[in-house]
Amino acid sequence: MVGSMLVRLTSRDFMNGKLNRPGVMVVMFYADWCPFSIAFKPMFEDFARKERLDCGEVNISHYEDPLWEQFQITVVPSLLVFKDGELIRRKDGVPLRGLSKADLDEATSN
């Protein structure tokens, strides 16, 4: 099974809490300085290579990034799932734990 390509997104890809892309996309919000993001990122990249879902990643390493507030992100990494631009599901990171493979599976299951 051929997977999808991991797309790098920025705040310019979002407006008023919506993703400016059609279809379903799983988006990981992460920060370079977060050890839990660093641990989870390879899992998400592997998932993106193997699954038939479109996947994106957003580096929100700077607290000034408007996406922290726009999506009320309090812990990174966090996963948000969009369908035709609308947020339909999310799995927020757990303080002092981040996200696991089980969290990824839960966020992306139908």
N, C-alpha and C. Protein backbone atom coordinates (compact mmCIF):
# COMPACT_ATOMS: atom_id res chain seq x y z
N MET A 1 0.84 -1.18 0.00
CA MET A 1 0.00 0.00 0.00
C MET A 1 0.89 1.24 0.00
N VAL A 2 0.63 2.15 -0.90
CA VAL A 2 1.41 3.37 -1.01
C VAL A 2 0.82 4.41 -0.08
N GLY A 3 1.67 5.05 0.71
CA GLY A 3 1.21 6.07 1.64
C GLY A 3 1.16 7.44 1.01
N SER A 4 0.80 8.39 1.82
CA SER A 4 0.71 9.76 1.35
C SER A 4 2.00 10.51 1.69
N MET A 5 2.11 11.68 1.12
CA MET A 5 3.26 12.53 1.41
C MET A 5 2.91 13.40 2.61
N LEU A 6 3.88 13.64 3.47
CA LEU A 6 3.69 14.51 4.62
C LEU A 6 3.89 15.95 4.16
N VAL A 7 2.85 16.78 4.32
CA VAL A 7 2.86 18.16 3.86
C VAL A 7 3.20 19.08 5.02
N ARG A 8 4.14 19.99 4.79
CA ARG A 8 4.47 20.99 5.81
C ARG A 8 3.52 22.16 5.66
N LEU A 9 2.82 22.47 6.73
CA LEU A 9 1.85 23.55 6.73
C LEU A 9 2.33 24.69 7.63
N THR A 10 1.81 25.89 7.39
CA THR A 10 2.11 27.05 8.23
C THR A 10 0.80 27.74 8.58
N SER A 11 0.88 28.79 9.35
CA SER A 11 -0.33 29.53 9.73
C SER A 11 -1.05 30.07 8.50
N ARG A 12 -0.35 30.24 7.38
CA ARG A 12 -1.00 30.72 6.15
C ARG A 12 -1.97 29.70 5.56
N ASP A 13 -1.86 28.43 5.98
CA ASP A 13 -2.76 27.38 5.48
C ASP A 13 -4.07 27.31 6.26
N PHE A 14 -4.21 28.15 7.27
CA PHE A 14 -5.40 28.14 8.12
C PHE A 14 -6.02 29.53 8.18
N MET A 15 -7.35 29.56 8.30
CA MET A 15 -8.03 30.83 8.48
C MET A 15 -9.31 30.60 9.28
N ASN A 16 -9.46 31.36 10.35
CA ASN A 16 -10.66 31.29 11.19
C ASN A 16 -10.97 29.87 11.64
N GLY A 17 -9.93 29.15 12.05
CA GLY A 17 -10.13 27.80 12.57
C GLY A 17 -10.37 26.74 11.52
N LYS A 18 -10.11 27.08 10.26
CA LYS A 18 -10.30 26.12 9.17
C LYS A 18 -9.00 25.92 8.41
N LEU A 19 -8.84 24.72 7.88
CA LEU A 19 -7.70 24.39 7.03
C LEU A 19 -8.10 24.68 5.59
N ASN A 20 -7.26 25.38 4.87
CA ASN A 20 -7.56 25.76 3.49
C ASN A 20 -7.20 24.63 2.52
N ARG A 21 -7.77 23.45 2.73
CA ARG A 21 -7.54 22.29 1.86
C ARG A 21 -8.79 21.41 1.84
N PRO A 22 -9.09 20.82 0.69
CA PRO A 22 -10.23 19.90 0.62
C PRO A 22 -9.83 18.52 1.12
N GLY A 23 -10.84 17.69 1.34
CA GLY A 23 -10.59 16.31 1.75
C GLY A 23 -10.28 16.19 3.23
N VAL A 24 -9.86 14.98 3.60
CA VAL A 24 -9.51 14.69 5.00
C VAL A 24 -8.01 14.78 5.16
N MET A 25 -7.58 15.47 6.21
CA MET A 25 -6.15 15.58 6.50
C MET A 25 -5.93 15.51 8.00
N VAL A 26 -4.97 14.67 8.40
CA VAL A 26 -4.54 14.56 9.79
C VAL A 26 -3.34 15.48 9.95
N VAL A 27 -3.42 16.41 10.90
CA VAL A 27 -2.36 17.40 11.08
C VAL A 27 -1.77 17.29 12.47
N MET A 28 -0.44 17.16 12.51
CA MET A 28 0.27 17.15 13.78
C MET A 28 0.84 18.54 14.04
N PHE A 29 0.49 19.11 15.19
CA PHE A 29 1.06 20.36 15.65
C PHE A 29 2.17 19.99 16.63
N TYR A 30 3.37 20.51 16.41
CA TYR A 30 4.51 20.14 17.25
C TYR A 30 5.42 21.35 17.45
N ALA A 31 6.38 21.18 18.36
CA ALA A 31 7.38 22.22 18.61
C ALA A 31 8.76 21.55 18.68
N ASP A 32 9.72 22.19 18.05
CA ASP A 32 11.09 21.66 18.03
C ASP A 32 11.68 21.50 19.42
N TRP A 33 11.29 22.34 20.36
CA TRP A 33 11.88 22.33 21.70
C TRP A 33 11.23 21.30 22.63
N CYS A 34 10.18 20.65 22.18
CA CYS A 34 9.43 19.72 23.04
C CYS A 34 9.94 18.29 22.88
N PRO A 35 10.44 17.68 23.97
CA PRO A 35 10.94 16.31 23.86
C PRO A 35 9.86 15.31 23.46
N PHE A 36 8.60 15.58 23.82
CA PHE A 36 7.51 14.67 23.46
C PHE A 36 7.20 14.78 21.97
N SER A 37 7.32 15.98 21.42
CA SER A 37 7.17 16.16 19.97
C SER A 37 8.29 15.45 19.23
N ILE A 38 9.49 15.58 19.73
CA ILE A 38 10.65 14.93 19.10
C ILE A 38 10.47 13.42 19.09
N ALA A 39 9.92 12.87 20.17
CA ALA A 39 9.70 11.41 20.25
C ALA A 39 8.55 10.96 19.35
N PHE A 40 7.50 11.78 19.24
CA PHE A 40 6.31 11.39 18.48
C PHE A 40 6.47 11.59 16.97
N LYS A 41 7.24 12.58 16.57
CA LYS A 41 7.35 12.93 15.16
C LYS A 41 7.73 11.75 14.26
N PRO A 42 8.72 10.92 14.60
CA PRO A 42 9.02 9.78 13.74
C PRO A 42 7.86 8.80 13.59
N MET A 43 7.07 8.63 14.66
CA MET A 43 5.88 7.76 14.60
C MET A 43 4.88 8.31 13.60
N PHE A 44 4.68 9.63 13.64
CA PHE A 44 3.72 10.27 12.74
C PHE A 44 4.23 10.21 11.30
N GLU A 45 5.51 10.42 11.10
CA GLU A 45 6.09 10.34 9.75
C GLU A 45 5.95 8.93 9.18
N ASP A 46 6.15 7.92 10.01
CA ASP A 46 5.98 6.53 9.58
C ASP A 46 4.52 6.27 9.22
N PHE A 47 3.60 6.78 10.04
CA PHE A 47 2.17 6.66 9.78
C PHE A 47 1.84 7.29 8.43
N ALA A 48 2.37 8.48 8.17
CA ALA A 48 2.09 9.19 6.91
C ALA A 48 2.59 8.40 5.70
N ARG A 49 3.71 7.72 5.84
CA ARG A 49 4.24 6.92 4.74
C ARG A 49 3.38 5.70 4.45
N LYS A 50 2.77 5.13 5.47
CA LYS A 50 2.06 3.86 5.32
C LYS A 50 0.57 3.98 5.06
N GLU A 51 -0.05 5.05 5.51
CA GLU A 51 -1.50 5.18 5.42
C GLU A 51 -1.92 5.91 4.15
N ARG A 52 -3.17 5.76 3.80
CA ARG A 52 -3.72 6.44 2.63
C ARG A 52 -4.42 7.75 3.00
N LEU A 53 -4.14 8.26 4.16
CA LEU A 53 -4.69 9.54 4.58
C LEU A 53 -3.68 10.65 4.27
N ASP A 54 -4.18 11.81 3.88
CA ASP A 54 -3.28 12.96 3.74
C ASP A 54 -2.86 13.40 5.13
N CYS A 55 -1.58 13.69 5.28
CA CYS A 55 -1.04 14.07 6.58
C CYS A 55 -0.25 15.36 6.44
N GLY A 56 -0.35 16.20 7.46
CA GLY A 56 0.39 17.44 7.48
C GLY A 56 1.01 17.66 8.84
N GLU A 57 2.02 18.52 8.85
CA GLU A 57 2.67 18.86 10.12
C GLU A 57 2.85 20.37 10.18
N VAL A 58 2.69 20.91 11.39
CA VAL A 58 2.83 22.34 11.61
C VAL A 58 3.78 22.54 12.78
N ASN A 59 4.87 23.24 12.53
CA ASN A 59 5.82 23.56 13.57
C ASN A 59 5.39 24.86 14.23
N ILE A 60 4.94 24.75 15.48
CA ILE A 60 4.52 25.94 16.22
C ILE A 60 5.49 26.19 17.37
N SER A 61 6.77 26.14 17.07
CA SER A 61 7.81 26.30 18.09
C SER A 61 7.80 27.67 18.76
N HIS A 62 7.30 28.67 18.07
CA HIS A 62 7.28 30.02 18.65
C HIS A 62 5.91 30.29 19.26
N TYR A 63 5.93 30.74 20.51
CA TYR A 63 4.67 31.01 21.20
C TYR A 63 3.86 32.12 20.55
N GLU A 64 4.51 32.93 19.72
CA GLU A 64 3.79 34.00 19.01
C GLU A 64 2.96 33.45 17.85
N ASP A 65 3.17 32.20 17.48
CA ASP A 65 2.43 31.62 16.37
C ASP A 65 0.93 31.68 16.69
N PRO A 66 0.13 32.28 15.80
CA PRO A 66 -1.31 32.43 16.08
C PRO A 66 -2.07 31.11 16.16
N LEU A 67 -1.47 30.02 15.69
CA LEU A 67 -2.19 28.73 15.72
C LEU A 67 -2.36 28.19 17.13
N TRP A 68 -1.48 28.57 18.06
CA TRP A 68 -1.66 28.16 19.46
C TRP A 68 -3.05 28.58 19.94
N GLU A 69 -3.36 29.85 19.69
CA GLU A 69 -4.65 30.40 20.15
C GLU A 69 -5.80 29.97 19.24
N GLN A 70 -5.56 30.00 17.94
CA GLN A 70 -6.63 29.68 16.98
C GLN A 70 -7.25 28.31 17.26
N PHE A 71 -6.39 27.34 17.63
CA PHE A 71 -6.88 25.99 17.88
C PHE A 71 -6.82 25.60 19.36
N GLN A 72 -6.58 26.58 20.22
CA GLN A 72 -6.53 26.36 21.66
C GLN A 72 -5.63 25.19 22.02
N ILE A 73 -4.43 25.20 21.45
CA ILE A 73 -3.46 24.15 21.73
C ILE A 73 -2.72 24.51 23.00
N THR A 74 -2.74 23.60 23.95
CA THR A 74 -2.05 23.84 25.22
C THR A 74 -0.90 22.87 25.43
N VAL A 75 -0.91 21.77 24.68
CA VAL A 75 0.14 20.75 24.80
C VAL A 75 0.52 20.29 23.40
N VAL A 76 1.82 20.19 23.16
CA VAL A 76 2.31 19.60 21.91
C VAL A 76 3.03 18.31 22.24
N PRO A 77 2.99 17.34 21.34
CA PRO A 77 2.27 17.35 20.08
C PRO A 77 0.77 17.18 20.30
N SER A 78 0.00 17.67 19.34
CA SER A 78 -1.44 17.45 19.29
C SER A 78 -1.82 17.12 17.86
N LEU A 79 -2.84 16.29 17.71
CA LEU A 79 -3.33 15.89 16.38
C LEU A 79 -4.71 16.47 16.15
N LEU A 80 -4.89 17.10 14.99
CA LEU A 80 -6.19 17.62 14.61
C LEU A 80 -6.55 17.02 13.26
N VAL A 81 -7.78 16.59 13.11
CA VAL A 81 -8.24 15.97 11.87
C VAL A 81 -9.26 16.92 11.23
N PHE A 82 -9.04 17.25 9.97
CA PHE A 82 -9.90 18.17 9.24
C PHE A 82 -10.57 17.43 8.08
N LYS A 83 -11.80 17.82 7.80
CA LYS A 83 -12.51 17.30 6.62
C LYS A 83 -13.06 18.50 5.88
N ASP A 84 -12.61 18.66 4.65
CA ASP A 84 -12.99 19.82 3.83
C ASP A 84 -12.82 21.12 4.61
N GLY A 85 -11.71 21.21 5.32
CA GLY A 85 -11.36 22.41 6.06
C GLY A 85 -11.88 22.50 7.47
N GLU A 86 -12.92 21.74 7.79
CA GLU A 86 -13.54 21.79 9.12
C GLU A 86 -12.84 20.82 10.07
N LEU A 87 -12.60 21.28 11.29
CA LEU A 87 -12.05 20.42 12.33
C LEU A 87 -13.11 19.43 12.76
N ILE A 88 -12.82 18.12 12.60
CA ILE A 88 -13.82 17.10 12.95
C ILE A 88 -13.41 16.24 14.15
N ARG A 89 -12.13 16.24 14.47
CA ARG A 89 -11.66 15.40 15.57
C ARG A 89 -10.30 15.92 16.01
N ARG A 90 -9.99 15.69 17.27
CA ARG A 90 -8.66 16.07 17.75
C ARG A 90 -8.23 15.16 18.89
N LYS A 91 -6.94 15.04 19.03
CA LYS A 91 -6.35 14.29 20.14
C LYS A 91 -5.23 15.16 20.68
N ASP A 92 -5.47 15.77 21.81
CA ASP A 92 -4.47 16.65 22.39
C ASP A 92 -3.42 15.85 23.14
N GLY A 93 -2.21 16.35 23.08
CA GLY A 93 -1.13 15.72 23.84
C GLY A 93 -1.43 15.77 25.33
N VAL A 94 -0.87 14.84 26.05
CA VAL A 94 -1.06 14.75 27.49
C VAL A 94 0.18 15.37 28.16
N PRO A 95 -0.02 16.29 29.11
CA PRO A 95 1.13 16.89 29.78
C PRO A 95 2.07 15.82 30.36
N LEU A 96 3.34 16.02 30.15
CA LEU A 96 4.41 15.14 30.64
C LEU A 96 4.38 13.74 30.02
N ARG A 97 3.59 13.56 28.92
CA ARG A 97 3.55 12.28 28.23
C ARG A 97 3.52 12.43 26.71
N GLY A 98 2.87 13.48 26.22
CA GLY A 98 2.77 13.66 24.78
C GLY A 98 1.69 12.78 24.19
N LEU A 99 2.00 12.15 23.06
CA LEU A 99 1.08 11.24 22.38
C LEU A 99 1.78 9.92 22.10
N SER A 100 0.98 8.87 21.97
CA SER A 100 1.51 7.53 21.70
C SER A 100 0.94 7.02 20.37
N LYS A 101 1.39 5.86 19.96
CA LYS A 101 0.86 5.20 18.76
C LYS A 101 -0.64 4.92 18.95
N ALA A 102 -1.02 4.53 20.15
CA ALA A 102 -2.44 4.27 20.43
C ALA A 102 -3.27 5.55 20.27
N ASP A 103 -2.72 6.68 20.68
CA ASP A 103 -3.42 7.96 20.50
C ASP A 103 -3.58 8.28 19.02
N LEU A 104 -2.54 8.01 18.25
CA LEU A 104 -2.60 8.24 16.80
C LEU A 104 -3.67 7.36 16.16
N ASP A 105 -3.70 6.10 16.56
CA ASP A 105 -4.70 5.17 16.03
C ASP A 105 -6.11 5.63 16.40
N GLU A 106 -6.29 6.10 17.62
CA GLU A 106 -7.60 6.57 18.08
C GLU A 106 -8.04 7.82 17.31
N ALA A 107 -7.12 8.74 17.09
CA ALA A 107 -7.45 9.98 16.39
C ALA A 107 -7.81 9.76 14.94
N THR A 108 -7.27 8.71 14.34
CA THR A 108 -7.47 8.49 12.91
C THR A 108 -8.45 7.37 12.58
N SER A 109 -9.04 6.76 13.60
CA SER A 109 -10.02 5.70 13.33
C SER A 109 -11.36 6.32 13.00
N ASN A 110 -12.12 5.63 12.20
CA ASN A 110 -13.43 6.16 11.81
C ASN A 110 -14.42 5.87 12.85
